[in-house]
Amino acid sequence: MRVYLVVMDETEEARKALRFASLRAQKTGGAVHILALVPQQTFNAFGGVQATIEQEARERAEVMANSAAGNIFAESGKMPTIAVRPGSPADVIRTYIEEHGDIAALVLATSAEGSAGPLVSHFAAHAAQLPCPLYLVPGGLEKADLDRLA
């Protein structure tokens, strides 16, 4: 089965990548994995405060991923696999792909205007080291165009 991995955050780019991956999965009899990243904290607070901050970040990521998964389920009838992981984004994504040998493609979307985001820049520069193809969905695509291309 073809599995499309989407890194989910609160950006429009992530929503476009998720839509594309979901439609590709429907057309190919595949599945979608949603990987929500818990941002690394750039400071260390007192123990209890730090733990609370990290827990809140994890809960936000879980809510966002579950909401996205619910949208896919409502549209396709198939529930995606959801994972929430803390750490350096590139490292977490690579580890996830290594752990799940059935990942057929990493699906990211570019921004509609301006420079590419950090994940797109990183993985586009290092695509040769990935064990699967990297799909870059143009961020400027309208919904109808996205649906047609998927």
N, C-alpha and C. Protein backbone atom coordinates (compact mmCIF):
# COMPACT_ATOMS: atom_id res chain seq x y z
N MET A 1 0.85 -1.18 0.00
CA MET A 1 0.00 0.00 0.00
C MET A 1 0.89 1.24 0.00
N ARG A 2 0.52 2.22 -0.80
CA ARG A 2 1.26 3.48 -0.86
C ARG A 2 0.86 4.34 0.33
N VAL A 3 1.84 4.79 1.08
CA VAL A 3 1.59 5.65 2.23
C VAL A 3 2.23 7.00 1.96
N TYR A 4 1.43 8.04 2.09
CA TYR A 4 1.89 9.42 1.87
C TYR A 4 2.05 10.10 3.22
N LEU A 5 3.24 10.59 3.50
CA LEU A 5 3.54 11.24 4.77
C LEU A 5 3.43 12.75 4.61
N VAL A 6 2.61 13.36 5.47
CA VAL A 6 2.44 14.81 5.48
C VAL A 6 2.83 15.34 6.85
N VAL A 7 3.64 16.38 6.85
CA VAL A 7 4.02 17.04 8.09
C VAL A 7 3.00 18.14 8.32
N MET A 8 2.26 18.03 9.41
CA MET A 8 1.14 18.93 9.66
C MET A 8 1.52 20.02 10.65
N ASP A 9 1.18 21.24 10.28
CA ASP A 9 1.23 22.37 11.20
C ASP A 9 0.05 23.26 10.87
N GLU A 10 0.05 24.47 11.35
CA GLU A 10 -1.12 25.33 11.18
C GLU A 10 -1.05 26.21 9.94
N THR A 11 -0.19 25.88 8.99
CA THR A 11 -0.03 26.71 7.81
C THR A 11 -0.93 26.26 6.66
N GLU A 12 -1.14 27.17 5.74
CA GLU A 12 -1.90 26.86 4.53
C GLU A 12 -1.14 25.84 3.69
N GLU A 13 0.18 25.92 3.71
CA GLU A 13 1.00 24.97 2.95
C GLU A 13 0.73 23.54 3.42
N ALA A 14 0.67 23.34 4.72
CA ALA A 14 0.42 22.00 5.26
C ALA A 14 -0.96 21.51 4.85
N ARG A 15 -1.94 22.39 4.85
CA ARG A 15 -3.29 21.98 4.43
C ARG A 15 -3.31 21.57 2.96
N LYS A 16 -2.57 22.28 2.12
CA LYS A 16 -2.52 21.92 0.70
C LYS A 16 -1.80 20.58 0.51
N ALA A 17 -0.71 20.38 1.22
CA ALA A 17 0.01 19.11 1.13
C ALA A 17 -0.89 17.96 1.58
N LEU A 18 -1.64 18.19 2.65
CA LEU A 18 -2.53 17.16 3.17
C LEU A 18 -3.65 16.85 2.17
N ARG A 19 -4.20 17.85 1.57
CA ARG A 19 -5.26 17.63 0.57
C ARG A 19 -4.72 16.81 -0.60
N PHE A 20 -3.56 17.21 -1.10
CA PHE A 20 -2.95 16.49 -2.22
C PHE A 20 -2.70 15.03 -1.84
N ALA A 21 -2.09 14.81 -0.69
CA ALA A 21 -1.78 13.45 -0.24
C ALA A 21 -3.05 12.63 -0.06
N SER A 22 -4.07 13.24 0.49
CA SER A 22 -5.33 12.53 0.71
C SER A 22 -5.96 12.12 -0.61
N LEU A 23 -5.95 13.01 -1.58
CA LEU A 23 -6.52 12.68 -2.89
C LEU A 23 -5.69 11.62 -3.60
N ARG A 24 -4.36 11.71 -3.50
CA ARG A 24 -3.50 10.69 -4.11
C ARG A 24 -3.77 9.33 -3.46
N ALA A 25 -3.92 9.33 -2.15
CA ALA A 25 -4.18 8.07 -1.44
C ALA A 25 -5.51 7.47 -1.90
N GLN A 26 -6.53 8.31 -2.07
CA GLN A 26 -7.82 7.81 -2.54
C GLN A 26 -7.69 7.18 -3.92
N LYS A 27 -6.95 7.85 -4.80
CA LYS A 27 -6.83 7.38 -6.18
C LYS A 27 -5.94 6.15 -6.33
N THR A 28 -5.02 5.96 -5.39
CA THR A 28 -4.07 4.84 -5.52
C THR A 28 -4.36 3.72 -4.52
N GLY A 29 -5.43 3.85 -3.75
CA GLY A 29 -5.73 2.84 -2.74
C GLY A 29 -4.74 2.88 -1.59
N GLY A 30 -4.16 4.04 -1.37
CA GLY A 30 -3.14 4.19 -0.34
C GLY A 30 -3.69 4.75 0.96
N ALA A 31 -2.78 5.24 1.76
CA ALA A 31 -3.12 5.79 3.07
C ALA A 31 -2.29 7.04 3.33
N VAL A 32 -2.72 7.79 4.32
CA VAL A 32 -2.03 9.02 4.71
C VAL A 32 -1.56 8.89 6.14
N HIS A 33 -0.33 9.29 6.37
CA HIS A 33 0.19 9.44 7.73
C HIS A 33 0.39 10.92 7.98
N ILE A 34 -0.14 11.40 9.09
CA ILE A 34 0.05 12.79 9.49
C ILE A 34 1.05 12.81 10.63
N LEU A 35 2.12 13.57 10.43
CA LEU A 35 3.14 13.73 11.46
C LEU A 35 3.09 15.17 11.95
N ALA A 36 2.68 15.35 13.20
CA ALA A 36 2.64 16.67 13.81
C ALA A 36 3.88 16.82 14.67
N LEU A 37 4.58 17.91 14.49
CA LEU A 37 5.81 18.15 15.22
C LEU A 37 5.55 19.04 16.42
N VAL A 38 6.15 18.69 17.53
CA VAL A 38 6.06 19.52 18.73
C VAL A 38 7.31 20.40 18.72
N PRO A 39 7.12 21.71 18.63
CA PRO A 39 8.28 22.60 18.54
C PRO A 39 9.21 22.45 19.74
N GLN A 40 10.50 22.51 19.44
CA GLN A 40 11.49 22.49 20.51
C GLN A 40 11.45 23.82 21.24
N GLN A 41 11.56 23.75 22.53
CA GLN A 41 11.58 24.97 23.33
C GLN A 41 12.97 25.58 23.27
N THR A 42 13.03 26.88 23.06
CA THR A 42 14.32 27.55 22.92
C THR A 42 14.85 28.07 24.25
N PHE A 43 14.11 27.84 25.30
CA PHE A 43 14.57 28.27 26.62
C PHE A 43 14.20 27.20 27.63
N ASN A 44 14.84 27.25 28.75
CA ASN A 44 14.52 26.32 29.84
C ASN A 44 13.98 27.11 31.01
N ALA A 45 12.77 26.81 31.37
CA ALA A 45 12.16 27.43 32.54
C ALA A 45 12.36 26.50 33.73
N PHE A 46 11.84 26.89 34.87
CA PHE A 46 11.90 26.00 36.03
C PHE A 46 11.18 24.71 35.68
N GLY A 47 11.62 23.60 36.28
CA GLY A 47 11.13 22.26 35.96
C GLY A 47 9.65 22.13 35.71
N GLY A 48 8.82 22.56 36.66
CA GLY A 48 7.37 22.42 36.51
C GLY A 48 6.83 23.29 35.39
N VAL A 49 7.35 24.49 35.26
CA VAL A 49 6.89 25.40 34.21
C VAL A 49 7.28 24.85 32.84
N GLN A 50 8.50 24.34 32.72
CA GLN A 50 8.98 23.77 31.46
C GLN A 50 8.11 22.58 31.05
N ALA A 51 7.80 21.73 32.00
CA ALA A 51 6.96 20.56 31.70
C ALA A 51 5.58 20.98 31.23
N THR A 52 5.02 22.02 31.84
CA THR A 52 3.71 22.53 31.44
C THR A 52 3.75 23.10 30.03
N ILE A 53 4.79 23.86 29.73
CA ILE A 53 4.94 24.45 28.39
C ILE A 53 5.03 23.34 27.34
N GLU A 54 5.84 22.32 27.61
CA GLU A 54 6.01 21.22 26.66
C GLU A 54 4.71 20.43 26.50
N GLN A 55 3.98 20.21 27.58
CA GLN A 55 2.72 19.48 27.51
C GLN A 55 1.68 20.26 26.70
N GLU A 56 1.62 21.58 26.91
CA GLU A 56 0.68 22.40 26.14
C GLU A 56 1.01 22.38 24.66
N ALA A 57 2.30 22.42 24.31
CA ALA A 57 2.71 22.37 22.91
C ALA A 57 2.31 21.04 22.29
N ARG A 58 2.49 19.97 23.03
CA ARG A 58 2.11 18.64 22.55
C ARG A 58 0.59 18.55 22.35
N GLU A 59 -0.16 19.07 23.30
CA GLU A 59 -1.62 19.03 23.18
C GLU A 59 -2.11 19.83 21.99
N ARG A 60 -1.50 21.00 21.73
CA ARG A 60 -1.88 21.80 20.55
C ARG A 60 -1.61 21.01 19.27
N ALA A 61 -0.46 20.35 19.21
CA ALA A 61 -0.11 19.56 18.02
C ALA A 61 -1.09 18.41 17.84
N GLU A 62 -1.47 17.75 18.93
CA GLU A 62 -2.42 16.64 18.85
C GLU A 62 -3.79 17.11 18.37
N VAL A 63 -4.26 18.23 18.88
CA VAL A 63 -5.56 18.77 18.47
C VAL A 63 -5.54 19.11 17.00
N MET A 64 -4.47 19.77 16.54
CA MET A 64 -4.35 20.15 15.14
C MET A 64 -4.33 18.92 14.24
N ALA A 65 -3.56 17.91 14.60
CA ALA A 65 -3.46 16.69 13.79
C ALA A 65 -4.80 15.94 13.77
N ASN A 66 -5.46 15.86 14.91
CA ASN A 66 -6.75 15.18 14.97
C ASN A 66 -7.81 15.91 14.17
N SER A 67 -7.78 17.22 14.18
CA SER A 67 -8.72 18.01 13.39
C SER A 67 -8.50 17.76 11.90
N ALA A 68 -7.23 17.76 11.48
CA ALA A 68 -6.91 17.50 10.08
C ALA A 68 -7.34 16.09 9.69
N ALA A 69 -7.09 15.13 10.56
CA ALA A 69 -7.48 13.74 10.30
C ALA A 69 -9.00 13.62 10.18
N GLY A 70 -9.72 14.34 11.03
CA GLY A 70 -11.18 14.32 10.96
C GLY A 70 -11.70 14.85 9.64
N ASN A 71 -11.05 15.87 9.12
CA ASN A 71 -11.44 16.42 7.82
C ASN A 71 -11.23 15.39 6.71
N ILE A 72 -10.11 14.69 6.77
CA ILE A 72 -9.85 13.65 5.76
C ILE A 72 -10.88 12.53 5.88
N PHE A 73 -11.16 12.11 7.11
CA PHE A 73 -12.12 11.03 7.32
C PHE A 73 -13.50 11.44 6.79
N ALA A 74 -13.91 12.67 7.05
CA ALA A 74 -15.21 13.14 6.58
C ALA A 74 -15.30 13.12 5.07
N GLU A 75 -14.19 13.40 4.40
CA GLU A 75 -14.19 13.47 2.95
C GLU A 75 -13.99 12.11 2.29
N SER A 76 -13.12 11.28 2.87
CA SER A 76 -12.76 10.04 2.19
C SER A 76 -13.29 8.77 2.87
N GLY A 77 -13.66 8.89 4.14
CA GLY A 77 -14.11 7.72 4.87
C GLY A 77 -12.96 6.88 5.42
N LYS A 78 -11.72 7.32 5.20
CA LYS A 78 -10.55 6.60 5.71
C LYS A 78 -9.84 7.49 6.72
N MET A 79 -9.55 6.92 7.88
CA MET A 79 -8.87 7.66 8.93
C MET A 79 -7.36 7.54 8.74
N PRO A 80 -6.65 8.67 8.66
CA PRO A 80 -5.20 8.61 8.53
C PRO A 80 -4.54 8.20 9.85
N THR A 81 -3.32 7.75 9.76
CA THR A 81 -2.51 7.46 10.93
C THR A 81 -1.95 8.78 11.44
N ILE A 82 -1.99 8.98 12.75
CA ILE A 82 -1.51 10.23 13.34
C ILE A 82 -0.35 9.93 14.28
N ALA A 83 0.69 10.74 14.17
CA ALA A 83 1.82 10.65 15.10
C ALA A 83 2.18 12.07 15.52
N VAL A 84 2.49 12.23 16.78
CA VAL A 84 2.93 13.52 17.31
C VAL A 84 4.28 13.28 17.95
N ARG A 85 5.29 14.00 17.47
CA ARG A 85 6.65 13.77 17.96
C ARG A 85 7.37 15.09 18.24
N PRO A 86 8.10 15.13 19.35
CA PRO A 86 8.93 16.30 19.64
C PRO A 86 10.31 16.13 19.03
N GLY A 87 11.00 17.25 18.84
CA GLY A 87 12.38 17.19 18.38
C GLY A 87 12.64 18.09 17.20
N SER A 88 13.85 17.99 16.71
CA SER A 88 14.27 18.75 15.54
C SER A 88 13.47 18.25 14.34
N PRO A 89 12.77 19.14 13.63
CA PRO A 89 11.88 18.69 12.55
C PRO A 89 12.52 17.74 11.54
N ALA A 90 13.66 18.09 10.99
CA ALA A 90 14.29 17.25 9.97
C ALA A 90 14.64 15.88 10.54
N ASP A 91 15.17 15.85 11.75
CA ASP A 91 15.54 14.58 12.38
C ASP A 91 14.31 13.72 12.67
N VAL A 92 13.25 14.35 13.16
CA VAL A 92 12.03 13.61 13.48
C VAL A 92 11.42 13.01 12.21
N ILE A 93 11.41 13.77 11.14
CA ILE A 93 10.85 13.29 9.87
C ILE A 93 11.67 12.13 9.33
N ARG A 94 12.98 12.28 9.32
CA ARG A 94 13.85 11.19 8.83
C ARG A 94 13.65 9.92 9.66
N THR A 95 13.61 10.07 10.97
CA THR A 95 13.42 8.91 11.85
C THR A 95 12.07 8.25 11.57
N TYR A 96 11.03 9.06 11.40
CA TYR A 96 9.70 8.51 11.14
C TYR A 96 9.70 7.71 9.83
N ILE A 97 10.33 8.24 8.80
CA ILE A 97 10.39 7.55 7.51
C ILE A 97 11.16 6.24 7.66
N GLU A 98 12.26 6.27 8.41
CA GLU A 98 13.04 5.04 8.63
C GLU A 98 12.23 3.99 9.39
N GLU A 99 11.44 4.43 10.37
CA GLU A 99 10.64 3.50 11.17
C GLU A 99 9.48 2.90 10.38
N HIS A 100 9.02 3.62 9.37
CA HIS A 100 7.86 3.18 8.58
C HIS A 100 8.33 2.94 7.14
N GLY A 101 8.77 1.75 6.87
CA GLY A 101 9.33 1.42 5.56
C GLY A 101 8.33 1.47 4.42
N ASP A 102 7.04 1.63 4.74
CA ASP A 102 6.02 1.67 3.69
C ASP A 102 5.70 3.09 3.21
N ILE A 103 6.46 4.07 3.66
CA ILE A 103 6.23 5.45 3.21
C ILE A 103 6.61 5.54 1.73
N ALA A 104 5.65 5.88 0.88
CA ALA A 104 5.88 5.97 -0.56
C ALA A 104 6.35 7.36 -0.97
N ALA A 105 6.00 8.39 -0.18
CA ALA A 105 6.41 9.75 -0.52
C ALA A 105 6.24 10.67 0.68
N LEU A 106 7.15 11.62 0.79
CA LEU A 106 7.03 12.72 1.73
C LEU A 106 6.39 13.85 0.95
N VAL A 107 5.25 14.36 1.41
CA VAL A 107 4.52 15.39 0.69
C VAL A 107 4.59 16.69 1.48
N LEU A 108 5.19 17.70 0.88
CA LEU A 108 5.27 19.04 1.45
C LEU A 108 4.72 20.02 0.41
N ALA A 109 4.35 21.20 0.85
CA ALA A 109 3.89 22.23 -0.09
C ALA A 109 4.74 23.47 0.09
N THR A 110 4.96 24.15 -1.02
CA THR A 110 5.71 25.40 -0.98
C THR A 110 4.78 26.54 -0.59
N SER A 111 5.35 27.66 -0.24
CA SER A 111 4.51 28.82 0.07
C SER A 111 4.01 29.42 -1.24
N ALA A 112 2.89 30.10 -1.17
CA ALA A 112 2.29 30.69 -2.36
C ALA A 112 3.16 31.83 -2.90
N GLU A 113 3.83 32.51 -2.02
CA GLU A 113 4.73 33.58 -2.43
C GLU A 113 5.84 33.71 -1.39
N GLY A 114 6.92 34.26 -1.82
CA GLY A 114 8.05 34.40 -0.91
C GLY A 114 8.94 33.17 -0.95
N SER A 115 9.85 33.12 -0.01
CA SER A 115 10.82 32.03 0.01
C SER A 115 10.19 30.74 0.54
N ALA A 116 10.85 29.65 0.22
CA ALA A 116 10.38 28.34 0.70
C ALA A 116 10.56 28.26 2.21
N GLY A 117 9.72 27.48 2.84
CA GLY A 117 9.83 27.28 4.28
C GLY A 117 11.04 26.43 4.61
N PRO A 118 11.36 26.32 5.89
CA PRO A 118 12.56 25.58 6.28
C PRO A 118 12.52 24.09 5.93
N LEU A 119 11.37 23.45 6.04
CA LEU A 119 11.30 22.03 5.70
C LEU A 119 11.46 21.80 4.20
N VAL A 120 10.79 22.62 3.41
CA VAL A 120 10.91 22.50 1.95
C VAL A 120 12.36 22.74 1.54
N SER A 121 12.97 23.79 2.08
CA SER A 121 14.36 24.09 1.74
C SER A 121 15.28 22.94 2.13
N HIS A 122 15.10 22.42 3.32
CA HIS A 122 15.97 21.34 3.80
C HIS A 122 15.82 20.09 2.96
N PHE A 123 14.59 19.62 2.79
CA PHE A 123 14.40 18.35 2.09
C PHE A 123 14.62 18.47 0.59
N ALA A 124 14.39 19.63 0.00
CA ALA A 124 14.70 19.81 -1.41
C ALA A 124 16.22 19.72 -1.62
N ALA A 125 16.97 20.27 -0.68
CA ALA A 125 18.43 20.22 -0.78
C ALA A 125 18.99 18.83 -0.49
N HIS A 126 18.25 18.02 0.27
CA HIS A 126 18.74 16.70 0.68
C HIS A 126 17.85 15.56 0.15
N ALA A 127 17.12 15.81 -0.91
CA ALA A 127 16.19 14.80 -1.43
C ALA A 127 16.91 13.52 -1.85
N ALA A 128 18.15 13.61 -2.26
CA ALA A 128 18.88 12.42 -2.70
C ALA A 128 19.13 11.44 -1.56
N GLN A 129 19.09 11.93 -0.33
CA GLN A 129 19.32 11.04 0.82
C GLN A 129 18.03 10.42 1.36
N LEU A 130 16.89 10.81 0.82
CA LEU A 130 15.62 10.24 1.29
C LEU A 130 15.41 8.86 0.67
N PRO A 131 14.79 7.94 1.42
CA PRO A 131 14.50 6.62 0.87
C PRO A 131 13.19 6.59 0.07
N CYS A 132 12.57 7.74 -0.11
CA CYS A 132 11.31 7.84 -0.85
C CYS A 132 11.31 9.15 -1.63
N PRO A 133 10.42 9.27 -2.61
CA PRO A 133 10.32 10.53 -3.34
C PRO A 133 9.81 11.66 -2.45
N LEU A 134 10.20 12.87 -2.82
CA LEU A 134 9.71 14.09 -2.18
C LEU A 134 8.75 14.75 -3.16
N TYR A 135 7.49 14.90 -2.75
CA TYR A 135 6.52 15.61 -3.59
C TYR A 135 6.41 17.03 -3.04
N LEU A 136 6.63 18.01 -3.92
CA LEU A 136 6.45 19.41 -3.54
C LEU A 136 5.22 19.95 -4.27
N VAL A 137 4.22 20.28 -3.50
CA VAL A 137 2.98 20.82 -4.05
C VAL A 137 3.12 22.33 -4.13
N PRO A 138 2.92 22.92 -5.31
CA PRO A 138 3.03 24.37 -5.43
C PRO A 138 1.96 25.08 -4.57
N GLY A 139 2.41 25.97 -3.72
CA GLY A 139 1.50 26.65 -2.80
C GLY A 139 0.51 27.58 -3.46
N GLY A 140 0.80 28.00 -4.69
CA GLY A 140 -0.10 28.91 -5.38
C GLY A 140 -1.26 28.24 -6.08
N LEU A 141 -1.34 26.93 -6.03
CA LEU A 141 -2.44 26.23 -6.70
C LEU A 141 -3.77 26.49 -6.01
N GLU A 142 -4.79 26.71 -6.80
CA GLU A 142 -6.14 26.81 -6.28
C GLU A 142 -6.66 25.39 -6.02
N LYS A 143 -7.72 25.30 -5.23
CA LYS A 143 -8.26 24.00 -4.84
C LYS A 143 -8.62 23.14 -6.05
N ALA A 144 -9.26 23.72 -7.05
CA ALA A 144 -9.67 22.95 -8.23
C ALA A 144 -8.44 22.41 -8.97
N ASP A 145 -7.40 23.21 -9.09
CA ASP A 145 -6.18 22.77 -9.75
C ASP A 145 -5.50 21.66 -8.95
N LEU A 146 -5.47 21.82 -7.66
CA LEU A 146 -4.88 20.82 -6.77
C LEU A 146 -5.63 19.49 -6.92
N ASP A 147 -6.94 19.56 -6.91
CA ASP A 147 -7.76 18.36 -7.05
C ASP A 147 -7.54 17.67 -8.39
N ARG A 148 -7.41 18.47 -9.43
CA ARG A 148 -7.19 17.91 -10.78
C ARG A 148 -5.83 17.22 -10.87
N LEU A 149 -4.80 17.81 -10.29
CA LEU A 149 -3.45 17.26 -10.38
C LEU A 149 -3.23 16.04 -9.50
N ALA A 150 -3.96 15.96 -8.41
CA ALA A 150 -3.77 14.83 -7.49
C ALA A 150 -4.26 13.56 -8.14
